[in-house]
Protein backbone atom coordinates (compact mmCIF):
# COMPACT_ATOMS: atom_id res chain seq x y z
CA UNK A 1 0.00 0.00 0.00
CA UNK A 2 2.98 2.30 0.59
CA UNK A 3 3.47 2.94 -3.14
CA UNK A 4 -0.22 3.86 -3.46
CA UNK A 5 0.20 6.48 -0.74
CA UNK A 6 3.13 7.95 -2.61
CA UNK A 7 0.67 8.86 -5.39
CA UNK A 8 -0.84 11.51 -3.12
CA UNK A 9 -0.37 15.02 -4.41
CA UNK A 10 -1.93 16.88 -1.49
CA UNK A 11 -2.85 16.69 2.17
CA UNK A 12 -5.94 17.99 3.96
CA UNK A 13 -6.60 18.50 7.65
CA UNK A 14 -10.20 18.31 8.82
CA UNK A 15 -11.63 19.68 12.04
CA UNK A 16 -13.79 17.46 14.23
CA UNK A 17 -17.20 16.90 12.52
CA UNK A 18 -16.03 18.43 9.22
CA UNK A 19 -17.23 16.60 6.11
CA UNK A 20 -14.66 15.21 3.70
CA UNK A 21 -17.42 14.07 1.33
CA UNK A 22 -21.09 15.00 1.34
CA UNK A 23 -24.09 13.07 -0.01
CA UNK A 24 -24.89 13.45 -3.68
CA UNK A 25 -21.29 14.07 -4.74
CA UNK A 26 -18.99 11.86 -6.76
CA UNK A 27 -15.82 10.76 -4.99
CA UNK A 28 -12.89 10.79 -7.40
CA UNK A 29 -10.28 10.35 -4.67
CA UNK A 30 -9.14 7.86 -2.07
CA UNK A 31 -7.86 9.09 1.28
CA UNK A 32 -5.02 7.72 3.33
CA UNK A 33 -5.54 8.60 7.00
CA UNK A 34 -2.27 9.98 8.37
CA UNK A 35 -3.80 10.81 11.76
CA UNK A 36 -7.24 10.98 13.31
CA UNK A 37 -10.37 9.04 12.38
CA UNK A 38 -13.22 9.18 9.88
CA UNK A 39 -16.78 7.90 9.82
CA UNK A 40 -18.45 6.75 6.59
CA UNK A 41 -22.22 7.00 6.96
CA UNK A 42 -25.58 7.60 5.29
CA UNK A 43 -28.73 9.34 6.45
CA UNK A 44 -31.69 6.94 6.56
CA UNK A 45 -35.06 8.32 7.61
CA UNK A 46 -33.35 11.25 9.30
CA UNK A 47 -30.97 8.99 11.24
CA UNK A 48 -27.26 8.42 10.69
CA UNK A 49 -26.24 4.87 9.84
CA UNK A 50 -22.52 4.22 10.18
CA UNK A 51 -21.13 2.00 7.43
CA UNK A 52 -17.45 1.92 8.38
CA UNK A 53 -14.59 3.79 10.00
CA UNK A 54 -11.11 4.73 8.96
CA UNK A 55 -8.24 5.65 11.25
CA UNK A 56 -4.49 6.12 11.10
CA UNK A 57 -3.01 3.87 8.42
CA UNK A 58 -6.30 3.14 6.62
CA UNK A 59 -7.26 3.88 3.03
CA UNK A 60 -10.85 5.08 2.77
CA UNK A 61 -13.27 6.41 0.15
CA UNK A 62 -16.93 6.34 -0.82
CA UNK A 63 -16.17 3.11 -2.66
CA UNK A 64 -19.37 2.93 -4.71
CA UNK A 65 -18.79 6.39 -6.16
CA UNK A 66 -15.05 5.88 -6.52
CA UNK A 67 -15.58 2.69 -8.53
CA UNK A 68 -18.57 3.64 -10.70
CA UNK A 69 -18.00 7.39 -11.10
CA UNK A 70 -21.54 8.27 -9.99
CA UNK A 71 -22.80 10.33 -7.05
CA UNK A 72 -23.19 8.49 -3.76
CA UNK A 73 -25.35 8.92 -0.67
CA UNK A 74 -22.31 8.03 1.44
CA UNK A 75 -20.78 10.80 3.51
CA UNK A 76 -17.37 10.91 5.14
CA UNK A 77 -16.83 12.97 8.29
CA UNK A 78 -13.95 13.53 10.68
CA UNK A 79 -14.70 12.03 14.09
CA UNK A 80 -11.81 14.08 15.49
CA UNK A 81 -9.14 16.28 13.98
CA UNK A 82 -7.90 14.24 11.03
CA UNK A 83 -5.21 14.59 8.39
CA UNK A 84 -5.53 12.69 5.11
CA UNK A 85 -3.36 12.31 2.06
CA UNK A 86 -5.52 12.67 -1.05
CA UNK A 87 -4.94 10.26 -3.92
CA UNK A 88 -6.73 11.03 -7.21
CA UNK A 89 -8.49 8.13 -8.94
CA UNK A 90 -6.69 8.95 -12.18
CA UNK A 91 -3.38 8.42 -10.35
CA UNK A 92 -4.58 5.08 -8.97
CA UNK A 93 -5.83 4.04 -12.43
CA UNK A 94 -2.42 4.84 -13.94
CA UNK A 95 -0.72 2.93 -11.10
CA UNK A 96 -2.94 -0.09 -11.81
CA UNK A 97 -1.99 -0.14 -15.48
CA UNK A 98 1.30 -1.68 -14.29
CA UNK A 99 0.71 -5.41 -13.98
CA UNK A 100 2.78 -5.79 -10.80
CA UNK A 101 0.44 -3.41 -8.92
CA UNK A 102 -2.85 -5.13 -9.73
CA UNK A 103 -2.41 -7.96 -7.20
CA UNK A 104 -2.06 -5.53 -4.29
CA UNK A 105 -5.21 -3.64 -5.34
CA UNK A 106 -7.19 -6.86 -5.79
CA UNK A 107 -6.09 -7.96 -2.32
CA UNK A 108 -7.28 -4.64 -0.81
CA UNK A 109 -10.67 -4.97 -2.53
CA UNK A 110 -11.05 -8.64 -1.54
CA UNK A 111 -10.34 -7.83 2.12
CA UNK A 112 -12.89 -5.02 2.01
CA UNK A 113 -15.54 -7.24 0.42
CA UNK A 114 -15.03 -9.96 3.05
CA UNK A 115 -15.19 -7.42 5.90
CA UNK A 116 -18.44 -5.96 4.55
CA UNK A 117 -20.00 -9.38 4.07
CA UNK A 118 -19.06 -10.49 7.60
CA UNK A 119 -20.56 -7.27 8.97
CA UNK A 120 -23.81 -7.79 7.05
CA UNK A 121 -24.11 -11.34 8.36
CA UNK A 122 -23.43 -10.11 11.91
CA UNK A 123 -26.09 -7.40 11.68
CA UNK A 124 -28.72 -9.81 10.38
CA UNK A 125 -28.04 -12.92 12.44
CA UNK A 126 -26.18 -12.11 15.64
CA UNK A 127 -27.28 -10.74 19.00
CA UNK A 128 -25.95 -7.36 20.17
CA UNK A 129 -23.52 -9.16 22.49
CA UNK A 130 -22.23 -11.41 19.69
CA UNK A 131 -21.81 -8.39 17.37
CA UNK A 132 -19.88 -6.54 20.08
CA UNK A 133 -17.59 -9.51 20.83
CA UNK A 134 -16.92 -10.16 17.16
CA UNK A 135 -16.02 -6.55 16.32
CA UNK A 136 -13.90 -6.34 19.47
CA UNK A 137 -11.95 -9.42 18.38
CA UNK A 138 -11.72 -8.32 14.74
CA UNK A 139 -10.89 -4.63 15.35
CA UNK A 140 -9.68 -3.98 18.92
CA UNK A 141 -8.12 -0.70 17.80
CA UNK A 142 -11.60 0.61 16.95
CA UNK A 143 -12.33 0.99 20.66
CA UNK A 144 -9.21 3.12 21.12
CA UNK A 145 -9.84 5.38 18.12
CA UNK A 146 -13.61 5.88 17.94
CA UNK A 147 -16.02 7.25 20.59
CA UNK A 148 -18.63 4.82 21.92
CA UNK A 149 -21.62 6.67 20.43
CA UNK A 150 -20.27 6.02 16.91
CA UNK A 151 -19.39 2.39 17.67
CA UNK A 152 -22.88 1.80 19.06
CA UNK A 153 -24.40 3.22 15.88
CA UNK A 154 -22.13 1.01 13.78
CA UNK A 155 -23.21 -2.05 15.78
CA UNK A 156 -26.90 -1.00 15.58
CA UNK A 157 -27.41 -0.68 19.31
CA UNK A 158 -27.88 2.12 21.80
CA UNK A 159 -24.86 3.62 23.56
CA UNK A 160 -26.32 2.30 26.83
CA UNK A 161 -26.39 -1.27 25.48
CA UNK A 162 -22.79 -0.95 24.33
CA UNK A 163 -21.79 0.40 27.73
CA UNK A 164 -23.44 -2.56 29.49
CA UNK A 165 -21.74 -5.03 27.16
CA UNK A 166 -18.35 -3.44 27.73
CA UNK A 167 -18.80 -3.71 31.50
CA UNK A 168 -19.84 -7.38 31.45
C-alpha atoms as a PDB file:
ATOM      1  CA  UNK A   1       0.000   0.000   0.000  1.00  0.00           C
ATOM      2  CA  UNK A   2       2.980   2.297   0.585  1.00  0.00           C
ATOM      3  CA  UNK A   3       3.472   2.945  -3.136  1.00  0.00           C
ATOM      4  CA  UNK A   4      -0.216   3.862  -3.459  1.00  0.00           C
ATOM      5  CA  UNK A   5       0.199   6.479  -0.738  1.00  0.00           C
ATOM      6  CA  UNK A   6       3.127   7.954  -2.612  1.00  0.00           C
ATOM      7  CA  UNK A   7       0.665   8.860  -5.390  1.00  0.00           C
ATOM      8  CA  UNK A   8      -0.838  11.511  -3.123  1.00  0.00           C
ATOM      9  CA  UNK A   9      -0.373  15.025  -4.413  1.00  0.00           C
ATOM     10  CA  UNK A  10      -1.928  16.879  -1.490  1.00  0.00           C
ATOM     11  CA  UNK A  11      -2.852  16.693   2.172  1.00  0.00           C
ATOM     12  CA  UNK A  12      -5.942  17.990   3.959  1.00  0.00           C
ATOM     13  CA  UNK A  13      -6.596  18.504   7.652  1.00  0.00           C
ATOM     14  CA  UNK A  14     -10.204  18.315   8.818  1.00  0.00           C
ATOM     15  CA  UNK A  15     -11.631  19.675  12.041  1.00  0.00           C
ATOM     16  CA  UNK A  16     -13.793  17.455  14.227  1.00  0.00           C
ATOM     17  CA  UNK A  17     -17.200  16.903  12.519  1.00  0.00           C
ATOM     18  CA  UNK A  18     -16.031  18.426   9.223  1.00  0.00           C
ATOM     19  CA  UNK A  19     -17.226  16.603   6.106  1.00  0.00           C
ATOM     20  CA  UNK A  20     -14.663  15.213   3.697  1.00  0.00           C
ATOM     21  CA  UNK A  21     -17.415  14.066   1.328  1.00  0.00           C
ATOM     22  CA  UNK A  22     -21.091  15.000   1.337  1.00  0.00           C
ATOM     23  CA  UNK A  23     -24.088  13.073  -0.009  1.00  0.00           C
ATOM     24  CA  UNK A  24     -24.890  13.453  -3.682  1.00  0.00           C
ATOM     25  CA  UNK A  25     -21.289  14.070  -4.735  1.00  0.00           C
ATOM     26  CA  UNK A  26     -18.991  11.856  -6.755  1.00  0.00           C
ATOM     27  CA  UNK A  27     -15.817  10.756  -4.988  1.00  0.00           C
ATOM     28  CA  UNK A  28     -12.887  10.794  -7.399  1.00  0.00           C
ATOM     29  CA  UNK A  29     -10.282  10.355  -4.670  1.00  0.00           C
ATOM     30  CA  UNK A  30      -9.140   7.863  -2.074  1.00  0.00           C
ATOM     31  CA  UNK A  31      -7.865   9.095   1.276  1.00  0.00           C
ATOM     32  CA  UNK A  32      -5.022   7.717   3.335  1.00  0.00           C
ATOM     33  CA  UNK A  33      -5.538   8.599   7.004  1.00  0.00           C
ATOM     34  CA  UNK A  34      -2.268   9.977   8.372  1.00  0.00           C
ATOM     35  CA  UNK A  35      -3.798  10.809  11.758  1.00  0.00           C
ATOM     36  CA  UNK A  36      -7.242  10.976  13.314  1.00  0.00           C
ATOM     37  CA  UNK A  37     -10.369   9.045  12.379  1.00  0.00           C
ATOM     38  CA  UNK A  38     -13.215   9.182   9.880  1.00  0.00           C
ATOM     39  CA  UNK A  39     -16.780   7.901   9.825  1.00  0.00           C
ATOM     40  CA  UNK A  40     -18.452   6.747   6.591  1.00  0.00           C
ATOM     41  CA  UNK A  41     -22.221   6.998   6.959  1.00  0.00           C
ATOM     42  CA  UNK A  42     -25.577   7.600   5.295  1.00  0.00           C
ATOM     43  CA  UNK A  43     -28.727   9.335   6.452  1.00  0.00           C
ATOM     44  CA  UNK A  44     -31.685   6.940   6.560  1.00  0.00           C
ATOM     45  CA  UNK A  45     -35.059   8.316   7.608  1.00  0.00           C
ATOM     46  CA  UNK A  46     -33.348  11.251   9.302  1.00  0.00           C
ATOM     47  CA  UNK A  47     -30.970   8.989  11.240  1.00  0.00           C
ATOM     48  CA  UNK A  48     -27.260   8.417  10.693  1.00  0.00           C
ATOM     49  CA  UNK A  49     -26.238   4.867   9.845  1.00  0.00           C
ATOM     50  CA  UNK A  50     -22.519   4.219  10.184  1.00  0.00           C
ATOM     51  CA  UNK A  51     -21.133   1.999   7.427  1.00  0.00           C
ATOM     52  CA  UNK A  52     -17.453   1.918   8.381  1.00  0.00           C
ATOM     53  CA  UNK A  53     -14.594   3.785  10.002  1.00  0.00           C
ATOM     54  CA  UNK A  54     -11.108   4.734   8.960  1.00  0.00           C
ATOM     55  CA  UNK A  55      -8.239   5.651  11.247  1.00  0.00           C
ATOM     56  CA  UNK A  56      -4.488   6.121  11.095  1.00  0.00           C
ATOM     57  CA  UNK A  57      -3.013   3.868   8.423  1.00  0.00           C
ATOM     58  CA  UNK A  58      -6.305   3.143   6.623  1.00  0.00           C
ATOM     59  CA  UNK A  59      -7.255   3.884   3.035  1.00  0.00           C
ATOM     60  CA  UNK A  60     -10.853   5.082   2.770  1.00  0.00           C
ATOM     61  CA  UNK A  61     -13.267   6.405   0.149  1.00  0.00           C
ATOM     62  CA  UNK A  62     -16.932   6.343  -0.822  1.00  0.00           C
ATOM     63  CA  UNK A  63     -16.170   3.112  -2.657  1.00  0.00           C
ATOM     64  CA  UNK A  64     -19.371   2.934  -4.708  1.00  0.00           C
ATOM     65  CA  UNK A  65     -18.790   6.389  -6.159  1.00  0.00           C
ATOM     66  CA  UNK A  66     -15.049   5.878  -6.520  1.00  0.00           C
ATOM     67  CA  UNK A  67     -15.577   2.690  -8.526  1.00  0.00           C
ATOM     68  CA  UNK A  68     -18.566   3.642 -10.700  1.00  0.00           C
ATOM     69  CA  UNK A  69     -18.002   7.390 -11.101  1.00  0.00           C
ATOM     70  CA  UNK A  70     -21.544   8.265  -9.990  1.00  0.00           C
ATOM     71  CA  UNK A  71     -22.801  10.333  -7.053  1.00  0.00           C
ATOM     72  CA  UNK A  72     -23.190   8.494  -3.761  1.00  0.00           C
ATOM     73  CA  UNK A  73     -25.347   8.924  -0.669  1.00  0.00           C
ATOM     74  CA  UNK A  74     -22.311   8.034   1.445  1.00  0.00           C
ATOM     75  CA  UNK A  75     -20.777  10.805   3.507  1.00  0.00           C
ATOM     76  CA  UNK A  76     -17.366  10.909   5.144  1.00  0.00           C
ATOM     77  CA  UNK A  77     -16.832  12.973   8.290  1.00  0.00           C
ATOM     78  CA  UNK A  78     -13.947  13.534  10.676  1.00  0.00           C
ATOM     79  CA  UNK A  79     -14.697  12.029  14.095  1.00  0.00           C
ATOM     80  CA  UNK A  80     -11.814  14.079  15.492  1.00  0.00           C
ATOM     81  CA  UNK A  81      -9.136  16.283  13.977  1.00  0.00           C
ATOM     82  CA  UNK A  82      -7.901  14.239  11.028  1.00  0.00           C
ATOM     83  CA  UNK A  83      -5.207  14.592   8.394  1.00  0.00           C
ATOM     84  CA  UNK A  84      -5.534  12.695   5.113  1.00  0.00           C
ATOM     85  CA  UNK A  85      -3.359  12.306   2.061  1.00  0.00           C
ATOM     86  CA  UNK A  86      -5.523  12.669  -1.046  1.00  0.00           C
ATOM     87  CA  UNK A  87      -4.940  10.260  -3.922  1.00  0.00           C
ATOM     88  CA  UNK A  88      -6.725  11.034  -7.211  1.00  0.00           C
ATOM     89  CA  UNK A  89      -8.487   8.134  -8.936  1.00  0.00           C
ATOM     90  CA  UNK A  90      -6.685   8.949 -12.182  1.00  0.00           C
ATOM     91  CA  UNK A  91      -3.375   8.416 -10.352  1.00  0.00           C
ATOM     92  CA  UNK A  92      -4.584   5.081  -8.975  1.00  0.00           C
ATOM     93  CA  UNK A  93      -5.832   4.044 -12.426  1.00  0.00           C
ATOM     94  CA  UNK A  94      -2.418   4.838 -13.945  1.00  0.00           C
ATOM     95  CA  UNK A  95      -0.724   2.926 -11.099  1.00  0.00           C
ATOM     96  CA  UNK A  96      -2.936  -0.095 -11.805  1.00  0.00           C
ATOM     97  CA  UNK A  97      -1.987  -0.143 -15.478  1.00  0.00           C
ATOM     98  CA  UNK A  98       1.296  -1.676 -14.290  1.00  0.00           C
ATOM     99  CA  UNK A  99       0.709  -5.406 -13.981  1.00  0.00           C
ATOM    100  CA  UNK A 100       2.777  -5.793 -10.796  1.00  0.00           C
ATOM    101  CA  UNK A 101       0.442  -3.411  -8.924  1.00  0.00           C
ATOM    102  CA  UNK A 102      -2.850  -5.135  -9.728  1.00  0.00           C
ATOM    103  CA  UNK A 103      -2.408  -7.956  -7.199  1.00  0.00           C
ATOM    104  CA  UNK A 104      -2.056  -5.534  -4.288  1.00  0.00           C
ATOM    105  CA  UNK A 105      -5.210  -3.642  -5.343  1.00  0.00           C
ATOM    106  CA  UNK A 106      -7.190  -6.863  -5.791  1.00  0.00           C
ATOM    107  CA  UNK A 107      -6.087  -7.957  -2.320  1.00  0.00           C
ATOM    108  CA  UNK A 108      -7.278  -4.644  -0.812  1.00  0.00           C
ATOM    109  CA  UNK A 109     -10.672  -4.972  -2.529  1.00  0.00           C
ATOM    110  CA  UNK A 110     -11.050  -8.640  -1.544  1.00  0.00           C
ATOM    111  CA  UNK A 111     -10.341  -7.826   2.116  1.00  0.00           C
ATOM    112  CA  UNK A 112     -12.885  -5.018   2.010  1.00  0.00           C
ATOM    113  CA  UNK A 113     -15.539  -7.241   0.422  1.00  0.00           C
ATOM    114  CA  UNK A 114     -15.028  -9.963   3.048  1.00  0.00           C
ATOM    115  CA  UNK A 115     -15.189  -7.424   5.896  1.00  0.00           C
ATOM    116  CA  UNK A 116     -18.438  -5.962   4.553  1.00  0.00           C
ATOM    117  CA  UNK A 117     -19.998  -9.383   4.066  1.00  0.00           C
ATOM    118  CA  UNK A 118     -19.057 -10.490   7.600  1.00  0.00           C
ATOM    119  CA  UNK A 119     -20.562  -7.272   8.968  1.00  0.00           C
ATOM    120  CA  UNK A 120     -23.805  -7.789   7.045  1.00  0.00           C
ATOM    121  CA  UNK A 121     -24.109 -11.341   8.363  1.00  0.00           C
ATOM    122  CA  UNK A 122     -23.428 -10.109  11.915  1.00  0.00           C
ATOM    123  CA  UNK A 123     -26.088  -7.404  11.681  1.00  0.00           C
ATOM    124  CA  UNK A 124     -28.721  -9.815  10.375  1.00  0.00           C
ATOM    125  CA  UNK A 125     -28.042 -12.917  12.439  1.00  0.00           C
ATOM    126  CA  UNK A 126     -26.184 -12.114  15.645  1.00  0.00           C
ATOM    127  CA  UNK A 127     -27.282 -10.742  18.999  1.00  0.00           C
ATOM    128  CA  UNK A 128     -25.946  -7.361  20.170  1.00  0.00           C
ATOM    129  CA  UNK A 129     -23.518  -9.161  22.487  1.00  0.00           C
ATOM    130  CA  UNK A 130     -22.231 -11.410  19.690  1.00  0.00           C
ATOM    131  CA  UNK A 131     -21.814  -8.387  17.375  1.00  0.00           C
ATOM    132  CA  UNK A 132     -19.883  -6.538  20.079  1.00  0.00           C
ATOM    133  CA  UNK A 133     -17.593  -9.512  20.830  1.00  0.00           C
ATOM    134  CA  UNK A 134     -16.924 -10.158  17.159  1.00  0.00           C
ATOM    135  CA  UNK A 135     -16.018  -6.549  16.316  1.00  0.00           C
ATOM    136  CA  UNK A 136     -13.905  -6.342  19.471  1.00  0.00           C
ATOM    137  CA  UNK A 137     -11.954  -9.425  18.383  1.00  0.00           C
ATOM    138  CA  UNK A 138     -11.722  -8.319  14.743  1.00  0.00           C
ATOM    139  CA  UNK A 139     -10.893  -4.631  15.352  1.00  0.00           C
ATOM    140  CA  UNK A 140      -9.684  -3.980  18.920  1.00  0.00           C
ATOM    141  CA  UNK A 141      -8.123  -0.701  17.798  1.00  0.00           C
ATOM    142  CA  UNK A 142     -11.603   0.610  16.949  1.00  0.00           C
ATOM    143  CA  UNK A 143     -12.326   0.994  20.662  1.00  0.00           C
ATOM    144  CA  UNK A 144      -9.207   3.123  21.117  1.00  0.00           C
ATOM    145  CA  UNK A 145      -9.844   5.376  18.117  1.00  0.00           C
ATOM    146  CA  UNK A 146     -13.614   5.876  17.938  1.00  0.00           C
ATOM    147  CA  UNK A 147     -16.021   7.255  20.591  1.00  0.00           C
ATOM    148  CA  UNK A 148     -18.627   4.822  21.923  1.00  0.00           C
ATOM    149  CA  UNK A 149     -21.620   6.670  20.432  1.00  0.00           C
ATOM    150  CA  UNK A 150     -20.270   6.017  16.913  1.00  0.00           C
ATOM    151  CA  UNK A 151     -19.389   2.391  17.670  1.00  0.00           C
ATOM    152  CA  UNK A 152     -22.877   1.801  19.061  1.00  0.00           C
ATOM    153  CA  UNK A 153     -24.400   3.223  15.879  1.00  0.00           C
ATOM    154  CA  UNK A 154     -22.126   1.014  13.780  1.00  0.00           C
ATOM    155  CA  UNK A 155     -23.213  -2.045  15.785  1.00  0.00           C
ATOM    156  CA  UNK A 156     -26.898  -1.004  15.576  1.00  0.00           C
ATOM    157  CA  UNK A 157     -27.409  -0.680  19.307  1.00  0.00           C
ATOM    158  CA  UNK A 158     -27.878   2.119  21.801  1.00  0.00           C
ATOM    159  CA  UNK A 159     -24.858   3.619  23.560  1.00  0.00           C
ATOM    160  CA  UNK A 160     -26.325   2.302  26.827  1.00  0.00           C
ATOM    161  CA  UNK A 161     -26.386  -1.267  25.480  1.00  0.00           C
ATOM    162  CA  UNK A 162     -22.795  -0.947  24.326  1.00  0.00           C
ATOM    163  CA  UNK A 163     -21.787   0.397  27.727  1.00  0.00           C
ATOM    164  CA  UNK A 164     -23.440  -2.560  29.489  1.00  0.00           C
ATOM    165  CA  UNK A 165     -21.739  -5.030  27.161  1.00  0.00           C
ATOM    166  CA  UNK A 166     -18.346  -3.443  27.729  1.00  0.00           C
ATOM    167  CA  UNK A 167     -18.796  -3.713  31.499  1.00  0.00           C
ATOM    168  CA  UNK A 168     -19.835  -7.381  31.448  1.00  0.00           C
END
